[in-house]
Amino acid sequence: MRAVSAREANQSFAKVLSRAEAGEEVVITRRGRPVAVLAPYRAPAMTPEREAAIERAKRMMEKGLPWGRAFRRFTRDEMHER
């Protein structure tokens, strides 16, 4: 893992980004202290829990929200209050 100063990272961002793209993690420091890590992107794993959550969300979207008497109508002024 390579460390670069914030100034160096700013001035040579394309190089630092290329290193991360190549699989290297780069620690960015400010005044010698680590403040961030630039790392290659890794797609989140598709766990059974994640798949189940996505399926629940799809079913809810297909079903839709209950409209009608369950919801109170708002006036234009109420909708634009801050």
N, C-alpha and C. Protein backbone atom coordinates (compact mmCIF):
# COMPACT_ATOMS: atom_id res chain seq x y z
N MET A 1 0.85 -1.16 0.00
CA MET A 1 0.00 0.00 0.00
C MET A 1 0.90 1.23 0.00
N ARG A 2 0.68 2.09 -0.94
CA ARG A 2 1.51 3.28 -1.10
C ARG A 2 0.83 4.46 -0.42
N ALA A 3 1.59 5.36 0.16
CA ALA A 3 1.06 6.58 0.77
C ALA A 3 1.50 7.78 -0.04
N VAL A 4 0.58 8.70 -0.28
CA VAL A 4 0.89 9.96 -0.97
C VAL A 4 0.26 11.10 -0.18
N SER A 5 0.87 12.26 -0.26
CA SER A 5 0.31 13.42 0.41
C SER A 5 -0.91 13.91 -0.36
N ALA A 6 -1.75 14.66 0.32
CA ALA A 6 -2.94 15.21 -0.34
C ALA A 6 -2.53 16.10 -1.51
N ARG A 7 -1.47 16.85 -1.32
CA ARG A 7 -0.99 17.72 -2.40
C ARG A 7 -0.55 16.90 -3.61
N GLU A 8 0.23 15.84 -3.37
CA GLU A 8 0.68 14.99 -4.46
C GLU A 8 -0.50 14.30 -5.15
N ALA A 9 -1.44 13.84 -4.34
CA ALA A 9 -2.63 13.19 -4.91
C ALA A 9 -3.41 14.16 -5.78
N ASN A 10 -3.50 15.41 -5.34
CA ASN A 10 -4.22 16.42 -6.10
C ASN A 10 -3.49 16.74 -7.41
N GLN A 11 -2.18 16.90 -7.33
CA GLN A 11 -1.42 17.29 -8.51
C GLN A 11 -1.27 16.16 -9.53
N SER A 12 -1.29 14.92 -9.06
CA SER A 12 -1.13 13.80 -9.99
C SER A 12 -2.26 12.80 -9.81
N PHE A 13 -3.49 13.34 -9.81
CA PHE A 13 -4.65 12.50 -9.57
C PHE A 13 -4.78 11.37 -10.58
N ALA A 14 -4.49 11.63 -11.83
CA ALA A 14 -4.62 10.60 -12.86
C ALA A 14 -3.69 9.41 -12.56
N LYS A 15 -2.48 9.70 -12.09
CA LYS A 15 -1.55 8.62 -11.75
C LYS A 15 -2.06 7.81 -10.55
N VAL A 16 -2.51 8.53 -9.53
CA VAL A 16 -3.01 7.86 -8.33
C VAL A 16 -4.23 7.01 -8.69
N LEU A 17 -5.10 7.55 -9.51
CA LEU A 17 -6.29 6.81 -9.95
C LEU A 17 -5.90 5.57 -10.75
N SER A 18 -4.89 5.69 -11.59
CA SER A 18 -4.42 4.54 -12.38
C SER A 18 -3.89 3.44 -11.47
N ARG A 19 -3.19 3.84 -10.40
CA ARG A 19 -2.69 2.84 -9.45
C ARG A 19 -3.85 2.08 -8.80
N ALA A 20 -4.88 2.82 -8.41
CA ALA A 20 -6.05 2.18 -7.80
C ALA A 20 -6.74 1.27 -8.82
N GLU A 21 -6.84 1.73 -10.05
CA GLU A 21 -7.45 0.93 -11.11
C GLU A 21 -6.68 -0.36 -11.34
N ALA A 22 -5.37 -0.31 -11.14
CA ALA A 22 -4.52 -1.48 -11.33
C ALA A 22 -4.57 -2.43 -10.14
N GLY A 23 -5.32 -2.05 -9.09
CA GLY A 23 -5.49 -2.94 -7.96
C GLY A 23 -4.78 -2.52 -6.69
N GLU A 24 -4.07 -1.41 -6.72
CA GLU A 24 -3.31 -0.96 -5.55
C GLU A 24 -4.16 -0.04 -4.68
N GLU A 25 -4.02 -0.17 -3.37
CA GLU A 25 -4.66 0.76 -2.44
C GLU A 25 -3.68 1.88 -2.15
N VAL A 26 -4.16 3.11 -2.20
CA VAL A 26 -3.31 4.28 -1.99
C VAL A 26 -3.84 5.04 -0.78
N VAL A 27 -2.98 5.24 0.22
CA VAL A 27 -3.35 6.01 1.41
C VAL A 27 -3.01 7.47 1.14
N ILE A 28 -3.96 8.35 1.37
CA ILE A 28 -3.74 9.78 1.18
C ILE A 28 -3.55 10.40 2.56
N THR A 29 -2.46 11.14 2.70
CA THR A 29 -2.11 11.71 4.00
C THR A 29 -2.20 13.23 3.97
N ARG A 30 -2.41 13.80 5.13
CA ARG A 30 -2.36 15.25 5.30
C ARG A 30 -1.48 15.51 6.51
N ARG A 31 -0.41 16.25 6.28
CA ARG A 31 0.57 16.52 7.34
C ARG A 31 1.09 15.23 7.97
N GLY A 32 1.29 14.22 7.12
CA GLY A 32 1.86 12.96 7.57
C GLY A 32 0.89 12.00 8.23
N ARG A 33 -0.38 12.41 8.37
CA ARG A 33 -1.38 11.53 9.00
C ARG A 33 -2.35 11.01 7.95
N PRO A 34 -2.66 9.71 7.95
CA PRO A 34 -3.59 9.15 6.96
C PRO A 34 -5.00 9.72 7.15
N VAL A 35 -5.61 10.12 6.03
CA VAL A 35 -6.97 10.67 6.09
C VAL A 35 -7.94 9.93 5.17
N ALA A 36 -7.42 9.22 4.18
CA ALA A 36 -8.31 8.52 3.25
C ALA A 36 -7.56 7.40 2.55
N VAL A 37 -8.35 6.47 2.00
CA VAL A 37 -7.79 5.39 1.20
C VAL A 37 -8.50 5.39 -0.14
N LEU A 38 -7.73 5.41 -1.20
CA LEU A 38 -8.28 5.26 -2.54
C LEU A 38 -8.00 3.83 -2.95
N ALA A 39 -9.06 3.07 -3.17
CA ALA A 39 -8.91 1.63 -3.44
C ALA A 39 -9.72 1.25 -4.68
N PRO A 40 -9.39 0.12 -5.29
CA PRO A 40 -10.15 -0.34 -6.45
C PRO A 40 -11.61 -0.61 -6.05
N TYR A 41 -12.50 -0.36 -6.97
CA TYR A 41 -13.92 -0.62 -6.74
C TYR A 41 -14.17 -2.12 -6.72
N ARG A 42 -14.92 -2.55 -5.74
CA ARG A 42 -15.34 -3.96 -5.67
C ARG A 42 -16.85 -3.99 -5.53
N ALA A 43 -17.51 -4.63 -6.47
CA ALA A 43 -18.97 -4.71 -6.42
C ALA A 43 -19.39 -5.48 -5.18
N PRO A 44 -20.47 -5.04 -4.53
CA PRO A 44 -20.93 -5.75 -3.33
C PRO A 44 -21.36 -7.18 -3.67
N ALA A 45 -21.08 -8.08 -2.75
CA ALA A 45 -21.44 -9.48 -2.96
C ALA A 45 -22.96 -9.64 -2.89
N MET A 46 -23.49 -10.52 -3.71
CA MET A 46 -24.93 -10.78 -3.71
C MET A 46 -25.20 -11.89 -2.71
N THR A 47 -25.47 -11.49 -1.47
CA THR A 47 -25.75 -12.45 -0.41
C THR A 47 -27.22 -12.87 -0.47
N PRO A 48 -27.58 -13.98 0.15
CA PRO A 48 -29.00 -14.38 0.18
C PRO A 48 -29.88 -13.31 0.82
N GLU A 49 -29.36 -12.63 1.84
CA GLU A 49 -30.15 -11.58 2.49
C GLU A 49 -30.40 -10.42 1.53
N ARG A 50 -29.38 -10.07 0.77
CA ARG A 50 -29.52 -8.97 -0.20
C ARG A 50 -30.51 -9.34 -1.29
N GLU A 51 -30.42 -10.57 -1.80
CA GLU A 51 -31.37 -11.03 -2.82
C GLU A 51 -32.80 -10.99 -2.29
N ALA A 52 -33.00 -11.45 -1.04
CA ALA A 52 -34.34 -11.45 -0.44
C ALA A 52 -34.87 -10.02 -0.30
N ALA A 53 -34.01 -9.09 0.10
CA ALA A 53 -34.43 -7.70 0.25
C ALA A 53 -34.83 -7.10 -1.09
N ILE A 54 -34.08 -7.43 -2.14
CA ILE A 54 -34.41 -6.94 -3.48
C ILE A 54 -35.74 -7.50 -3.94
N GLU A 55 -35.98 -8.77 -3.70
CA GLU A 55 -37.25 -9.39 -4.09
C GLU A 55 -38.42 -8.76 -3.33
N ARG A 56 -38.24 -8.49 -2.02
CA ARG A 56 -39.30 -7.82 -1.24
C ARG A 56 -39.60 -6.44 -1.81
N ALA A 57 -38.55 -5.71 -2.17
CA ALA A 57 -38.74 -4.37 -2.74
C ALA A 57 -39.48 -4.44 -4.07
N LYS A 58 -39.14 -5.44 -4.91
CA LYS A 58 -39.82 -5.60 -6.20
C LYS A 58 -41.31 -5.88 -5.99
N ARG A 59 -41.62 -6.77 -5.02
CA ARG A 59 -43.04 -7.09 -4.76
C ARG A 59 -43.80 -5.86 -4.28
N MET A 60 -43.17 -5.08 -3.42
CA MET A 60 -43.82 -3.86 -2.92
C MET A 60 -44.08 -2.88 -4.06
N MET A 61 -43.11 -2.74 -5.00
CA MET A 61 -43.28 -1.83 -6.12
C MET A 61 -44.38 -2.31 -7.06
N GLU A 62 -44.47 -3.62 -7.26
CA GLU A 62 -45.52 -4.16 -8.13
C GLU A 62 -46.89 -3.95 -7.52
N LYS A 63 -46.98 -4.10 -6.19
CA LYS A 63 -48.25 -3.93 -5.48
C LYS A 63 -48.66 -2.46 -5.47
N GLY A 64 -47.71 -1.57 -5.28
CA GLY A 64 -47.99 -0.14 -5.25
C GLY A 64 -48.39 0.32 -3.86
N LEU A 65 -48.54 1.63 -3.73
CA LEU A 65 -48.93 2.21 -2.46
C LEU A 65 -50.45 2.38 -2.40
N PRO A 66 -51.01 2.27 -1.20
CA PRO A 66 -52.46 2.45 -1.07
C PRO A 66 -52.82 3.94 -1.15
N TRP A 67 -53.49 4.33 -2.21
CA TRP A 67 -53.92 5.71 -2.35
C TRP A 67 -55.39 5.81 -1.97
N GLY A 68 -55.91 6.97 -1.94
CA GLY A 68 -57.32 7.15 -1.65
C GLY A 68 -57.54 7.71 -0.27
N ARG A 69 -58.50 7.15 0.47
CA ARG A 69 -58.88 7.69 1.77
C ARG A 69 -57.81 7.53 2.84
N ALA A 70 -56.88 6.67 2.63
CA ALA A 70 -55.84 6.45 3.63
C ALA A 70 -54.92 7.66 3.76
N PHE A 71 -54.87 8.50 2.73
CA PHE A 71 -53.99 9.65 2.76
C PHE A 71 -54.79 10.94 2.73
N ARG A 72 -54.37 11.88 3.54
CA ARG A 72 -55.01 13.19 3.59
C ARG A 72 -54.49 14.04 2.44
N ARG A 73 -55.35 14.81 1.83
CA ARG A 73 -54.93 15.72 0.77
C ARG A 73 -54.35 16.98 1.40
N PHE A 74 -53.29 17.50 0.78
CA PHE A 74 -52.65 18.70 1.26
C PHE A 74 -52.98 19.85 0.33
N THR A 75 -53.08 21.05 0.92
CA THR A 75 -53.28 22.23 0.08
C THR A 75 -51.95 22.62 -0.53
N ARG A 76 -52.03 23.44 -1.54
CA ARG A 76 -50.80 23.90 -2.21
C ARG A 76 -49.91 24.65 -1.22
N ASP A 77 -50.53 25.47 -0.37
CA ASP A 77 -49.74 26.22 0.61
C ASP A 77 -49.05 25.29 1.60
N GLU A 78 -49.73 24.24 2.03
CA GLU A 78 -49.11 23.29 2.97
C GLU A 78 -47.92 22.58 2.32
N MET A 79 -48.05 22.29 1.05
CA MET A 79 -46.98 21.56 0.36
C MET A 79 -45.73 22.41 0.20
N HIS A 80 -45.89 23.73 0.18
CA HIS A 80 -44.77 24.62 -0.08
C HIS A 80 -44.28 25.35 1.17
N GLU A 81 -44.78 24.93 2.36
CA GLU A 81 -44.29 25.52 3.59
C GLU A 81 -42.86 25.07 3.82
N ARG A 82 -42.08 25.93 4.44
CA ARG A 82 -40.68 25.57 4.73
C ARG A 82 -40.45 25.52 6.20
